[in-house]
Amino acid sequence: MPEDANFTEEITKWVESLPNWGKAAVAGGVALAVYIPYKFLVTQKRKSPVNENWKPDVVYLYQFPRCRLLPNLSSYCMKVETWLRMSDITYEVPKCSFTLRSKEGTMPFVELNGKEYYDSSFILRDVDEAIKHVSIDDHLSAEQKATSRAFEAMTEKSMAVTAWYNRMENAEKLIDLFDPNIFGLFTAFIKVVESRMYASVLLKRITGTDIGFHSREDIMTIGIEDLKAISKYLGNKHYFHGFKPTKVDACIFSNLCQIYYAPYTSEHRDLIVGECKNLEEYIERIKNRYWPDWDDVTTKYSLDVSNWKKRHVVRNGNGKH
């Protein structure tokens, strides 16, 4: 076993042997050690563009690190990356730190031809135009586009908020999905601190909405009704509006993944695998088509997206190439 692993193991055993007040003191010290430099780094001005050696018409997607079980713990990051794949837009995922943020202070953001685009919805709106690319929504009617907008809003402003409640209750399990080496020598301590900080952030986000005023039971019910609405509208369709994926599919798929692949059970997941089986089939359909590299991404934390299309194999009805 490496020396740093032995050291971490010994430190962990020492902390576990401390009384509660001692554990609290250690956690508080580590929290300060993590939080102060974190706040300093995220508030510092950075160069723009981040990638000065950019290639023309290549989208550089900056997002949170890869993790186990699903490509990203941020539905917004997954939404952008899934849309890039659905749109057949050439992109790369540069390695970046936890502290990197857009000029607006958010994640994800992209750079295209030296210019920064932030907010997932704005990215999906603006990148097509910037590279003169035909939108995957172009074939939709005005009514279908209006329906998409309504379901996207319900998914991100209502259903996702109710799912945050489950995340808040299981924050430590979520932080544990990151590469065990990502935090370096003091991974065990930092994960505890990060999980508490993350739970606190989620609580503030939930209570900052109208949904946050309700009881846990009512919050779960809101999410369940949202999922049922998505399920009923989807019906037996291949994608939300038929046989072609659109932006709303990238949005809904990415949010459903956060529930379906979570490392814990929930009322929402039970609904997906039970009463709303068409949502489970929908998740698997999009995953198999647009994420053939899912296993590499979620086990090796791979950032190489250059060959994902080559790995997708279309088979005929007999299962042959």
C-alpha atoms as a PDB file:
ATOM      1  CA  MET A   1       0.000   0.000   0.000  1.00  0.00           C
ATOM      2  CA  PRO A   2       1.379   3.480  -0.851  1.00  0.00           C
ATOM      3  CA  GLU A   3       2.746   5.564   2.000  1.00  0.00           C
ATOM      4  CA  ASP A   4       0.151   8.321   1.549  1.00  0.00           C
ATOM      5  CA  ALA A   5      -2.642   5.714   1.744  1.00  0.00           C
ATOM      6  CA  ASN A   6      -1.159   4.403   5.017  1.00  0.00           C
ATOM      7  CA  PHE A   7      -0.926   7.921   6.359  1.00  0.00           C
ATOM      8  CA  THR A   8      -4.538   8.716   5.424  1.00  0.00           C
ATOM      9  CA  GLU A   9      -5.705   5.455   7.011  1.00  0.00           C
ATOM     10  CA  GLU A  10      -3.883   6.255  10.248  1.00  0.00           C
ATOM     11  CA  ILE A  11      -5.287   9.780  10.350  1.00  0.00           C
ATOM     12  CA  THR A  12      -8.794   8.453   9.718  1.00  0.00           C
ATOM     13  CA  LYS A  13      -8.468   5.962  12.584  1.00  0.00           C
ATOM     14  CA  TRP A  14      -7.196   8.722  14.859  1.00  0.00           C
ATOM     15  CA  VAL A  15     -10.152  10.977  14.054  1.00  0.00           C
ATOM     16  CA  GLU A  16     -12.604   8.117  14.633  1.00  0.00           C
ATOM     17  CA  SER A  17     -11.091   7.578  18.087  1.00  0.00           C
ATOM     18  CA  LEU A  18     -11.775  11.184  19.117  1.00  0.00           C
ATOM     19  CA  PRO A  19     -14.805  12.182  21.210  1.00  0.00           C
ATOM     20  CA  ASN A  20     -17.601  13.999  19.398  1.00  0.00           C
ATOM     21  CA  TRP A  21     -16.278  17.432  20.333  1.00  0.00           C
ATOM     22  CA  GLY A  22     -12.863  16.438  18.960  1.00  0.00           C
ATOM     23  CA  LYS A  23     -14.355  15.257  15.678  1.00  0.00           C
ATOM     24  CA  ALA A  24     -16.298  18.503  15.414  1.00  0.00           C
ATOM     25  CA  ALA A  25     -13.127  20.522  16.027  1.00  0.00           C
ATOM     26  CA  VAL A  26     -11.203  18.608  13.352  1.00  0.00           C
ATOM     27  CA  ALA A  27     -14.091  18.940  10.874  1.00  0.00           C
ATOM     28  CA  GLY A  28     -14.297  22.666  11.566  1.00  0.00           C
ATOM     29  CA  GLY A  29     -10.580  23.121  11.025  1.00  0.00           C
ATOM     30  CA  VAL A  30     -10.621  21.192   7.766  1.00  0.00           C
ATOM     31  CA  ALA A  31     -13.710  23.122   6.659  1.00  0.00           C
ATOM     32  CA  LEU A  32     -11.884  26.410   7.125  1.00  0.00           C
ATOM     33  CA  ALA A  33      -8.794  25.030   5.400  1.00  0.00           C
ATOM     34  CA  VAL A  34     -10.921  24.056   2.408  1.00  0.00           C
ATOM     35  CA  TYR A  35     -13.444  26.898   2.305  1.00  0.00           C
ATOM     36  CA  ILE A  36     -11.083  29.885   2.583  1.00  0.00           C
ATOM     37  CA  PRO A  37      -8.842  28.988  -0.380  1.00  0.00           C
ATOM     38  CA  TYR A  38     -11.931  27.810  -2.304  1.00  0.00           C
ATOM     39  CA  LYS A  39     -13.653  31.185  -1.906  1.00  0.00           C
ATOM     40  CA  PHE A  40     -10.427  32.984  -2.765  1.00  0.00           C
ATOM     41  CA  LEU A  41      -9.933  31.005  -5.952  1.00  0.00           C
ATOM     42  CA  VAL A  42     -13.516  31.214  -7.247  1.00  0.00           C
ATOM     43  CA  THR A  43     -13.597  34.990  -6.782  1.00  0.00           C
ATOM     44  CA  GLN A  44     -10.315  35.643  -8.577  1.00  0.00           C
ATOM     45  CA  LYS A  45     -10.340  37.068 -12.078  1.00  0.00           C
ATOM     46  CA  ARG A  46      -9.174  34.591 -14.652  1.00  0.00           C
ATOM     47  CA  LYS A  47      -7.933  34.815 -18.193  1.00  0.00           C
ATOM     48  CA  SER A  48     -10.509  34.648 -20.954  1.00  0.00           C
ATOM     49  CA  PRO A  49     -10.661  32.536 -22.948  1.00  0.00           C
ATOM     50  CA  VAL A  50      -9.434  29.795 -20.627  1.00  0.00           C
ATOM     51  CA  ASN A  51      -8.142  27.897 -23.655  1.00  0.00           C
ATOM     52  CA  GLU A  52      -6.006  30.298 -25.671  1.00  0.00           C
ATOM     53  CA  ASN A  53      -5.098  27.606 -28.218  1.00  0.00           C
ATOM     54  CA  TRP A  54      -8.661  26.949 -29.341  1.00  0.00           C
ATOM     55  CA  LYS A  55      -9.551  25.318 -32.633  1.00  0.00           C
ATOM     56  CA  PRO A  56     -12.155  26.945 -34.917  1.00  0.00           C
ATOM     57  CA  ASP A  57     -15.770  25.824 -34.388  1.00  0.00           C
ATOM     58  CA  VAL A  58     -14.827  23.390 -31.611  1.00  0.00           C
ATOM     59  CA  VAL A  59     -16.903  23.771 -28.452  1.00  0.00           C
ATOM     60  CA  TYR A  60     -14.911  23.533 -25.208  1.00  0.00           C
ATOM     61  CA  LEU A  61     -17.219  22.382 -22.434  1.00  0.00           C
ATOM     62  CA  TYR A  62     -16.191  23.319 -18.893  1.00  0.00           C
ATOM     63  CA  GLN A  63     -18.081  21.374 -16.276  1.00  0.00           C
ATOM     64  CA  PHE A  64     -17.805  19.610 -12.937  1.00  0.00           C
ATOM     65  CA  PRO A  65     -15.569  16.509 -12.768  1.00  0.00           C
ATOM     66  CA  ARG A  66     -16.711  13.095 -13.959  1.00  0.00           C
ATOM     67  CA  CYS A  67     -18.070  10.702 -11.361  1.00  0.00           C
ATOM     68  CA  ARG A  68     -19.287   7.155 -10.899  1.00  0.00           C
ATOM     69  CA  LEU A  69     -22.773   5.915 -11.914  1.00  0.00           C
ATOM     70  CA  LEU A  70     -23.523   8.878 -14.212  1.00  0.00           C
ATOM     71  CA  PRO A  71     -21.331  11.246 -16.263  1.00  0.00           C
ATOM     72  CA  ASN A  72     -21.968  14.333 -14.170  1.00  0.00           C
ATOM     73  CA  LEU A  73     -23.738  15.177 -10.901  1.00  0.00           C
ATOM     74  CA  SER A  74     -24.993  18.394 -12.480  1.00  0.00           C
ATOM     75  CA  SER A  75     -28.084  17.979 -14.641  1.00  0.00           C
ATOM     76  CA  TYR A  76     -27.151  21.251 -16.370  1.00  0.00           C
ATOM     77  CA  CYS A  77     -23.730  19.902 -17.355  1.00  0.00           C
ATOM     78  CA  MET A  78     -25.259  16.642 -18.582  1.00  0.00           C
ATOM     79  CA  LYS A  79     -27.905  18.578 -20.483  1.00  0.00           C
ATOM     80  CA  VAL A  80     -25.307  20.554 -22.446  1.00  0.00           C
ATOM     81  CA  GLU A  81     -23.104  17.548 -23.184  1.00  0.00           C
ATOM     82  CA  THR A  82     -26.044  15.361 -24.231  1.00  0.00           C
ATOM     83  CA  TRP A  83     -27.328  18.142 -26.487  1.00  0.00           C
ATOM     84  CA  LEU A  84     -23.890  18.518 -28.094  1.00  0.00           C
ATOM     85  CA  ARG A  85     -23.980  14.823 -28.909  1.00  0.00           C
ATOM     86  CA  MET A  86     -27.548  14.907 -30.180  1.00  0.00           C
ATOM     87  CA  SER A  87     -26.646  17.919 -32.335  1.00  0.00           C
ATOM     88  CA  ASP A  88     -23.489  16.259 -33.708  1.00  0.00           C
ATOM     89  CA  ILE A  89     -21.375  19.260 -32.702  1.00  0.00           C
ATOM     90  CA  THR A  90     -17.634  18.739 -32.284  1.00  0.00           C
ATOM     91  CA  TYR A  91     -16.629  19.400 -28.700  1.00  0.00           C
ATOM     92  CA  GLU A  92     -13.948  18.718 -26.109  1.00  0.00           C
ATOM     93  CA  VAL A  93     -14.045  18.510 -22.312  1.00  0.00           C
ATOM     94  CA  PRO A  94     -10.897  20.138 -20.885  1.00  0.00           C
ATOM     95  CA  LYS A  95      -9.740  19.076 -17.463  1.00  0.00           C
ATOM     96  CA  CYS A  96     -10.591  21.832 -15.008  1.00  0.00           C
ATOM     97  CA  SER A  97     -10.608  22.424 -11.270  1.00  0.00           C
ATOM     98  CA  PHE A  98     -13.557  22.569  -8.882  1.00  0.00           C
ATOM     99  CA  THR A  99     -13.000  26.296  -8.547  1.00  0.00           C
ATOM    100  CA  LEU A 100     -13.307  27.253 -12.223  1.00  0.00           C
ATOM    101  CA  ARG A 101     -16.479  29.183 -13.020  1.00  0.00           C
ATOM    102  CA  SER A 102     -17.929  31.226 -15.869  1.00  0.00           C
ATOM    103  CA  LYS A 103     -17.727  35.020 -15.820  1.00  0.00           C
ATOM    104  CA  GLU A 104     -21.239  34.847 -14.403  1.00  0.00           C
ATOM    105  CA  GLY A 105     -19.967  32.578 -11.601  1.00  0.00           C
ATOM    106  CA  THR A 106     -21.756  29.448 -12.794  1.00  0.00           C
ATOM    107  CA  MET A 107     -21.161  26.013 -14.284  1.00  0.00           C
ATOM    108  CA  PRO A 108     -21.284  24.760 -16.948  1.00  0.00           C
ATOM    109  CA  PHE A 109     -19.986  27.189 -19.533  1.00  0.00           C
ATOM    110  CA  VAL A 110     -18.505  26.732 -22.973  1.00  0.00           C
ATOM    111  CA  GLU A 111     -15.975  28.516 -25.130  1.00  0.00           C
ATOM    112  CA  LEU A 112     -16.383  28.707 -28.877  1.00  0.00           C
ATOM    113  CA  ASN A 113     -13.965  30.521 -31.194  1.00  0.00           C
ATOM    114  CA  GLY A 114     -12.520  32.359 -28.191  1.00  0.00           C
ATOM    115  CA  LYS A 115     -15.882  33.560 -26.874  1.00  0.00           C
ATOM    116  CA  GLU A 116     -17.553  32.389 -23.652  1.00  0.00           C
ATOM    117  CA  TYR A 117     -21.182  31.273 -23.414  1.00  0.00           C
ATOM    118  CA  TYR A 118     -22.785  30.557 -20.039  1.00  0.00           C
ATOM    119  CA  ASP A 119     -26.049  29.170 -18.627  1.00  0.00           C
ATOM    120  CA  SER A 120     -27.143  25.845 -20.085  1.00  0.00           C
ATOM    121  CA  SER A 121     -30.281  27.264 -21.723  1.00  0.00           C
ATOM    122  CA  PHE A 122     -28.364  30.148 -23.310  1.00  0.00           C
ATOM    123  CA  ILE A 123     -25.668  27.745 -24.506  1.00  0.00           C
ATOM    124  CA  LEU A 124     -28.255  25.610 -26.292  1.00  0.00           C
ATOM    125  CA  ARG A 125     -29.765  28.760 -27.785  1.00  0.00           C
ATOM    126  CA  ASP A 126     -26.602  30.575 -28.858  1.00  0.00           C
ATOM    127  CA  VAL A 127     -24.079  27.948 -29.974  1.00  0.00           C
ATOM    128  CA  ASP A 128     -26.134  26.801 -32.964  1.00  0.00           C
ATOM    129  CA  GLU A 129     -26.342  30.362 -34.227  1.00  0.00           C
ATOM    130  CA  ALA A 130     -22.669  31.043 -33.579  1.00  0.00           C
ATOM    131  CA  ILE A 131     -21.494  28.174 -35.812  1.00  0.00           C
ATOM    132  CA  LYS A 132     -24.376  28.453 -38.313  1.00  0.00           C
ATOM    133  CA  HIS A 133     -25.594  25.009 -37.236  1.00  0.00           C
ATOM    134  CA  VAL A 134     -29.122  23.756 -37.928  1.00  0.00           C
ATOM    135  CA  SER A 135     -30.933  23.343 -34.603  1.00  0.00           C
ATOM    136  CA  ILE A 136     -32.341  19.933 -33.729  1.00  0.00           C
ATOM    137  CA  ASP A 137     -35.551  21.832 -32.903  1.00  0.00           C
ATOM    138  CA  ASP A 138     -35.942  23.318 -36.381  1.00  0.00           C
ATOM    139  CA  HIS A 139     -38.509  20.766 -37.520  1.00  0.00           C
ATOM    140  CA  LEU A 140     -40.840  21.434 -34.574  1.00  0.00           C
ATOM    141  CA  SER A 141     -44.042  23.419 -34.916  1.00  0.00           C
ATOM    142  CA  ALA A 142     -44.651  26.556 -32.860  1.00  0.00           C
ATOM    143  CA  GLU A 143     -46.982  24.547 -30.622  1.00  0.00           C
ATOM    144  CA  GLN A 144     -44.377  21.835 -30.061  1.00  0.00           C
ATOM    145  CA  LYS A 145     -41.731  24.440 -29.207  1.00  0.00           C
ATOM    146  CA  ALA A 146     -44.113  26.014 -26.694  1.00  0.00           C
ATOM    147  CA  THR A 147     -44.791  22.595 -25.165  1.00  0.00           C
ATOM    148  CA  SER A 148     -41.049  21.951 -24.930  1.00  0.00           C
ATOM    149  CA  ARG A 149     -40.490  25.220 -23.109  1.00  0.00           C
ATOM    150  CA  ALA A 150     -43.257  24.431 -20.616  1.00  0.00           C
ATOM    151  CA  PHE A 151     -41.895  20.958 -19.859  1.00  0.00           C
ATOM    152  CA  GLU A 152     -38.318  22.243 -19.568  1.00  0.00           C
ATOM    153  CA  ALA A 153     -39.468  24.842 -17.042  1.00  0.00           C
ATOM    154  CA  MET A 154     -41.440  22.261 -15.071  1.00  0.00           C
ATOM    155  CA  THR A 155     -38.486  19.867 -15.094  1.00  0.00           C
ATOM    156  CA  GLU A 156     -35.841  22.361 -13.981  1.00  0.00           C
ATOM    157  CA  LYS A 157     -37.899  24.657 -11.758  1.00  0.00           C
ATOM    158  CA  SER A 158     -40.129  22.092 -10.081  1.00  0.00           C
ATOM    159  CA  MET A 159     -39.211  18.423 -10.473  1.00  0.00           C
ATOM    160  CA  ALA A 160     -35.486  19.032 -10.080  1.00  0.00           C
ATOM    161  CA  VAL A 161     -36.069  21.059  -6.906  1.00  0.00           C
ATOM    162  CA  THR A 162     -37.956  18.170  -5.313  1.00  0.00           C
ATOM    163  CA  ALA A 163     -35.091  15.832  -6.268  1.00  0.00           C
ATOM    164  CA  TRP A 164     -32.651  18.196  -4.514  1.00  0.00           C
ATOM    165  CA  TYR A 165     -34.369  17.273  -1.263  1.00  0.00           C
ATOM    166  CA  ASN A 166     -33.279  13.653  -1.681  1.00  0.00           C
ATOM    167  CA  ARG A 167     -29.816  14.883  -2.578  1.00  0.00           C
ATOM    168  CA  MET A 168     -29.653  16.955   0.577  1.00  0.00           C
ATOM    169  CA  GLU A 169     -30.504  13.859   2.619  1.00  0.00           C
ATOM    170  CA  ASN A 170     -27.785  11.823   0.866  1.00  0.00           C
ATOM    171  CA  ALA A 171     -25.096  14.427   0.210  1.00  0.00           C
ATOM    172  CA  GLU A 172     -22.226  12.280   1.508  1.00  0.00           C
ATOM    173  CA  LYS A 173     -23.162   9.400  -0.826  1.00  0.00           C
ATOM    174  CA  LEU A 174     -23.080  11.797  -3.773  1.00  0.00           C
ATOM    175  CA  ILE A 175     -19.685  13.307  -2.920  1.00  0.00           C
ATOM    176  CA  ASP A 176     -18.394   9.746  -2.645  1.00  0.00           C
ATOM    177  CA  LEU A 177     -19.067   9.273  -6.369  1.00  0.00           C
ATOM    178  CA  PHE A 178     -16.111  11.443  -7.366  1.00  0.00           C
ATOM    179  CA  ASP A 179     -12.726   9.973  -8.216  1.00  0.00           C
ATOM    180  CA  PRO A 180     -11.219   8.964  -4.836  1.00  0.00           C
ATOM    181  CA  ASN A 181      -7.975  10.683  -5.815  1.00  0.00           C
ATOM    182  CA  ILE A 182      -9.543  13.985  -6.776  1.00  0.00           C
ATOM    183  CA  PHE A 183      -9.046  15.629  -3.374  1.00  0.00           C
ATOM    184  CA  GLY A 184      -5.517  14.359  -2.846  1.00  0.00           C
ATOM    185  CA  LEU A 185      -4.035  13.274   0.471  1.00  0.00           C
ATOM    186  CA  PHE A 186      -6.882  14.434   2.695  1.00  0.00           C
ATOM    187  CA  THR A 187      -9.688  12.963   0.594  1.00  0.00           C
ATOM    188  CA  ALA A 188     -11.482  11.362   3.556  1.00  0.00           C
ATOM    189  CA  PHE A 189     -11.729  14.664   5.459  1.00  0.00           C
ATOM    190  CA  ILE A 190     -12.513  16.864   2.498  1.00  0.00           C
ATOM    191  CA  LYS A 191     -15.350  14.601   1.389  1.00  0.00           C
ATOM    192  CA  VAL A 192     -17.017  15.007   4.786  1.00  0.00           C
ATOM    193  CA  VAL A 193     -16.635  18.785   4.628  1.00  0.00           C
ATOM    194  CA  GLU A 194     -17.759  18.987   1.002  1.00  0.00           C
ATOM    195  CA  SER A 195     -20.845  16.858   1.697  1.00  0.00           C
ATOM    196  CA  ARG A 196     -21.894  19.195   4.527  1.00  0.00           C
ATOM    197  CA  MET A 197     -21.275  22.266   2.403  1.00  0.00           C
ATOM    198  CA  TYR A 198     -23.201  20.706  -0.472  1.00  0.00           C
ATOM    199  CA  ALA A 199     -26.155  19.811   1.774  1.00  0.00           C
ATOM    200  CA  SER A 200     -26.175  23.387   3.072  1.00  0.00           C
ATOM    201  CA  VAL A 201     -26.159  24.800  -0.481  1.00  0.00           C
ATOM    202  CA  LEU A 202     -29.023  22.522  -1.479  1.00  0.00           C
ATOM    203  CA  LEU A 203     -31.065  23.549   1.551  1.00  0.00           C
ATOM    204  CA  LYS A 204     -30.642  27.231   0.660  1.00  0.00           C
ATOM    205  CA  ARG A 205     -31.627  26.560  -2.939  1.00  0.00           C
ATOM    206  CA  ILE A 206     -34.724  24.600  -1.906  1.00  0.00           C
ATOM    207  CA  THR A 207     -35.883  27.120   0.689  1.00  0.00           C
ATOM    208  CA  GLY A 208     -35.334  29.874  -1.853  1.00  0.00           C
ATOM    209  CA  THR A 209     -38.225  28.497  -3.924  1.00  0.00           C
ATOM    210  CA  ASP A 210     -41.961  28.289  -3.239  1.00  0.00           C
ATOM    211  CA  ILE A 211     -41.599  24.505  -3.048  1.00  0.00           C
ATOM    212  CA  GLY A 212     -39.265  24.836  -0.074  1.00  0.00           C
ATOM    213  CA  PHE A 213     -42.055  26.051   2.200  1.00  0.00           C
ATOM    214  CA  HIS A 214     -43.825  22.686   2.062  1.00  0.00           C
ATOM    215  CA  SER A 215     -43.407  19.533   4.138  1.00  0.00           C
ATOM    216  CA  ARG A 216     -41.187  16.717   2.892  1.00  0.00           C
ATOM    217  CA  GLU A 217     -44.253  14.665   1.981  1.00  0.00           C
ATOM    218  CA  ASP A 218     -45.715  17.475  -0.116  1.00  0.00           C
ATOM    219  CA  ILE A 219     -42.371  18.146  -1.791  1.00  0.00           C
ATOM    220  CA  MET A 220     -42.106  14.497  -2.825  1.00  0.00           C
ATOM    221  CA  THR A 221     -45.691  14.576  -4.114  1.00  0.00           C
ATOM    222  CA  ILE A 222     -44.943  17.581  -6.321  1.00  0.00           C
ATOM    223  CA  GLY A 223     -42.055  15.693  -7.913  1.00  0.00           C
ATOM    224  CA  ILE A 224     -44.166  12.587  -8.386  1.00  0.00           C
ATOM    225  CA  GLU A 225     -46.895  14.548 -10.161  1.00  0.00           C
ATOM    226  CA  ASP A 226     -44.286  16.190 -12.402  1.00  0.00           C
ATOM    227  CA  LEU A 227     -42.865  12.774 -13.332  1.00  0.00           C
ATOM    228  CA  LYS A 228     -46.330  11.440 -14.084  1.00  0.00           C
ATOM    229  CA  ALA A 229     -46.991  14.410 -16.370  1.00  0.00           C
ATOM    230  CA  ILE A 230     -43.763  13.749 -18.298  1.00  0.00           C
ATOM    231  CA  SER A 231     -44.606  10.044 -18.495  1.00  0.00           C
ATOM    232  CA  LYS A 232     -48.131  10.644 -19.787  1.00  0.00           C
ATOM    233  CA  TYR A 233     -47.011  13.117 -22.457  1.00  0.00           C
ATOM    234  CA  LEU A 234     -44.145  10.858 -23.578  1.00  0.00           C
ATOM    235  CA  GLY A 235     -46.429   7.847 -23.844  1.00  0.00           C
ATOM    236  CA  ASN A 236     -45.043   5.334 -26.341  1.00  0.00           C
ATOM    237  CA  LYS A 237     -43.087   7.893 -28.342  1.00  0.00           C
ATOM    238  CA  HIS A 238     -39.424   7.261 -29.017  1.00  0.00           C
ATOM    239  CA  TYR A 239     -38.481  10.793 -28.003  1.00  0.00           C
ATOM    240  CA  PHE A 240     -40.546  13.627 -26.582  1.00  0.00           C
ATOM    241  CA  HIS A 241     -41.782  14.797 -29.981  1.00  0.00           C
ATOM    242  CA  GLY A 242     -41.534  11.582 -31.979  1.00  0.00           C
ATOM    243  CA  PHE A 243     -38.586   9.856 -33.629  1.00  0.00           C
ATOM    244  CA  LYS A 244     -36.091  12.737 -33.501  1.00  0.00           C
ATOM    245  CA  PRO A 245     -34.456  13.974 -30.285  1.00  0.00           C
ATOM    246  CA  THR A 246     -34.806  17.668 -29.467  1.00  0.00           C
ATOM    247  CA  LYS A 247     -33.516  20.034 -26.797  1.00  0.00           C
ATOM    248  CA  VAL A 248     -36.263  19.056 -24.360  1.00  0.00           C
ATOM    249  CA  ASP A 249     -35.013  15.452 -24.512  1.00  0.00           C
ATOM    250  CA  ALA A 250     -31.524  16.549 -23.455  1.00  0.00           C
ATOM    251  CA  CYS A 251     -33.072  18.455 -20.543  1.00  0.00           C
ATOM    252  CA  ILE A 252     -35.468  15.771 -19.322  1.00  0.00           C
ATOM    253  CA  PHE A 253     -33.034  12.874 -19.819  1.00  0.00           C
ATOM    254  CA  SER A 254     -30.297  14.651 -17.847  1.00  0.00           C
ATOM    255  CA  ASN A 255     -32.635  15.331 -14.933  1.00  0.00           C
ATOM    256  CA  LEU A 256     -34.116  11.834 -14.922  1.00  0.00           C
ATOM    257  CA  CYS A 257     -30.583  10.406 -14.809  1.00  0.00           C
ATOM    258  CA  GLN A 258     -29.926  12.271 -11.556  1.00  0.00           C
ATOM    259  CA  ILE A 259     -32.829  10.331 -10.019  1.00  0.00           C
ATOM    260  CA  TYR A 260     -32.487   6.978 -11.759  1.00  0.00           C
ATOM    261  CA  TYR A 261     -28.723   6.499 -11.251  1.00  0.00           C
ATOM    262  CA  ALA A 262     -28.512   8.050  -7.780  1.00  0.00           C
ATOM    263  CA  PRO A 263     -26.686   5.908  -5.166  1.00  0.00           C
ATOM    264  CA  TYR A 264     -29.805   5.828  -2.996  1.00  0.00           C
ATOM    265  CA  THR A 265     -33.465   4.987  -3.364  1.00  0.00           C
ATOM    266  CA  SER A 266     -36.232   7.578  -3.444  1.00  0.00           C
ATOM    267  CA  GLU A 267     -39.952   7.913  -4.003  1.00  0.00           C
ATOM    268  CA  HIS A 268     -39.171   9.373  -7.422  1.00  0.00           C
ATOM    269  CA  ARG A 269     -36.984   6.470  -8.506  1.00  0.00           C
ATOM    270  CA  ASP A 270     -39.562   3.974  -7.263  1.00  0.00           C
ATOM    271  CA  LEU A 271     -42.111   5.663  -9.535  1.00  0.00           C
ATOM    272  CA  ILE A 272     -39.803   5.470 -12.567  1.00  0.00           C
ATOM    273  CA  VAL A 273     -39.091   1.750 -12.180  1.00  0.00           C
ATOM    274  CA  GLY A 274     -42.695   1.008 -11.207  1.00  0.00           C
ATOM    275  CA  GLU A 275     -45.661   2.924 -12.523  1.00  0.00           C
ATOM    276  CA  CYS A 276     -43.739   4.981 -15.115  1.00  0.00           C
ATOM    277  CA  LYS A 277     -41.718   2.267 -16.842  1.00  0.00           C
ATOM    278  CA  ASN A 278     -41.746   4.247 -20.090  1.00  0.00           C
ATOM    279  CA  LEU A 279     -39.430   6.774 -18.387  1.00  0.00           C
ATOM    280  CA  GLU A 280     -36.989   3.981 -17.531  1.00  0.00           C
ATOM    281  CA  GLU A 281     -37.065   2.811 -21.152  1.00  0.00           C
ATOM    282  CA  TYR A 282     -36.606   6.422 -22.304  1.00  0.00           C
ATOM    283  CA  ILE A 283     -33.506   6.850 -20.118  1.00  0.00           C
ATOM    284  CA  GLU A 284     -31.960   3.626 -21.385  1.00  0.00           C
ATOM    285  CA  ARG A 285     -32.807   4.485 -25.010  1.00  0.00           C
ATOM    286  CA  ILE A 286     -31.026   7.833 -24.922  1.00  0.00           C
ATOM    287  CA  LYS A 287     -28.142   6.471 -22.876  1.00  0.00           C
ATOM    288  CA  ASN A 288     -27.519   3.629 -25.340  1.00  0.00           C
ATOM    289  CA  ARG A 289     -27.756   5.914 -28.371  1.00  0.00           C
ATOM    290  CA  TYR A 290     -25.820   8.970 -27.214  1.00  0.00           C
ATOM    291  CA  TRP A 291     -23.635   7.632 -24.408  1.00  0.00           C
ATOM    292  CA  PRO A 292     -22.037   4.424 -25.751  1.00  0.00           C
ATOM    293  CA  ASP A 293     -18.929   5.410 -23.753  1.00  0.00           C
ATOM    294  CA  TRP A 294     -20.952   5.586 -20.504  1.00  0.00           C
ATOM    295  CA  ASP A 295     -18.890   2.853 -18.804  1.00  0.00           C
ATOM    296  CA  ASP A 296     -15.543   4.522 -19.569  1.00  0.00           C
ATOM    297  CA  VAL A 297     -16.884   7.880 -18.443  1.00  0.00           C
ATOM    298  CA  THR A 298     -18.280   6.524 -15.162  1.00  0.00           C
ATOM    299  CA  THR A 299     -15.497   4.084 -14.221  1.00  0.00           C
ATOM    300  CA  LYS A 300     -12.358   5.633 -15.713  1.00  0.00           C
ATOM    301  CA  TYR A 301     -13.612   9.241 -15.419  1.00  0.00           C
ATOM    302  CA  SER A 302     -12.687   9.639 -19.091  1.00  0.00           C
ATOM    303  CA  LEU A 303     -12.727  13.094 -20.678  1.00  0.00           C
ATOM    304  CA  ASP A 304     -11.962  11.731 -24.142  1.00  0.00           C
ATOM    305  CA  VAL A 305     -15.067  12.345 -26.247  1.00  0.00           C
ATOM    306  CA  SER A 306     -13.390  12.175 -29.646  1.00  0.00           C
ATOM    307  CA  ASN A 307     -14.598   8.692 -30.536  1.00  0.00           C
ATOM    308  CA  TRP A 308     -17.982   8.393 -28.873  1.00  0.00           C
ATOM    309  CA  LYS A 309     -19.818   8.276 -32.238  1.00  0.00           C
ATOM    310  CA  LYS A 310     -17.578   5.483 -33.517  1.00  0.00           C
ATOM    311  CA  ARG A 311     -18.526   3.393 -30.510  1.00  0.00           C
ATOM    312  CA  HIS A 312     -22.221   3.572 -31.323  1.00  0.00           C
ATOM    313  CA  VAL A 313     -23.153   0.469 -33.307  1.00  0.00           C
ATOM    314  CA  VAL A 314     -26.493   0.369 -35.128  1.00  0.00           C
ATOM    315  CA  ARG A 315     -27.828  -3.165 -35.277  1.00  0.00           C
ATOM    316  CA  ASN A 316     -30.575  -4.625 -37.410  1.00  0.00           C
ATOM    317  CA  GLY A 317     -33.498  -6.644 -36.131  1.00  0.00           C
ATOM    318  CA  ASN A 318     -31.393  -9.821 -36.000  1.00  0.00           C
ATOM    319  CA  GLY A 319     -28.829  -8.176 -33.729  1.00  0.00           C
ATOM    320  CA  LYS A 320     -26.185  -8.158 -36.473  1.00  0.00           C
ATOM    321  CA  HIS A 321     -24.138  -5.189 -37.610  1.00  0.00           C
END
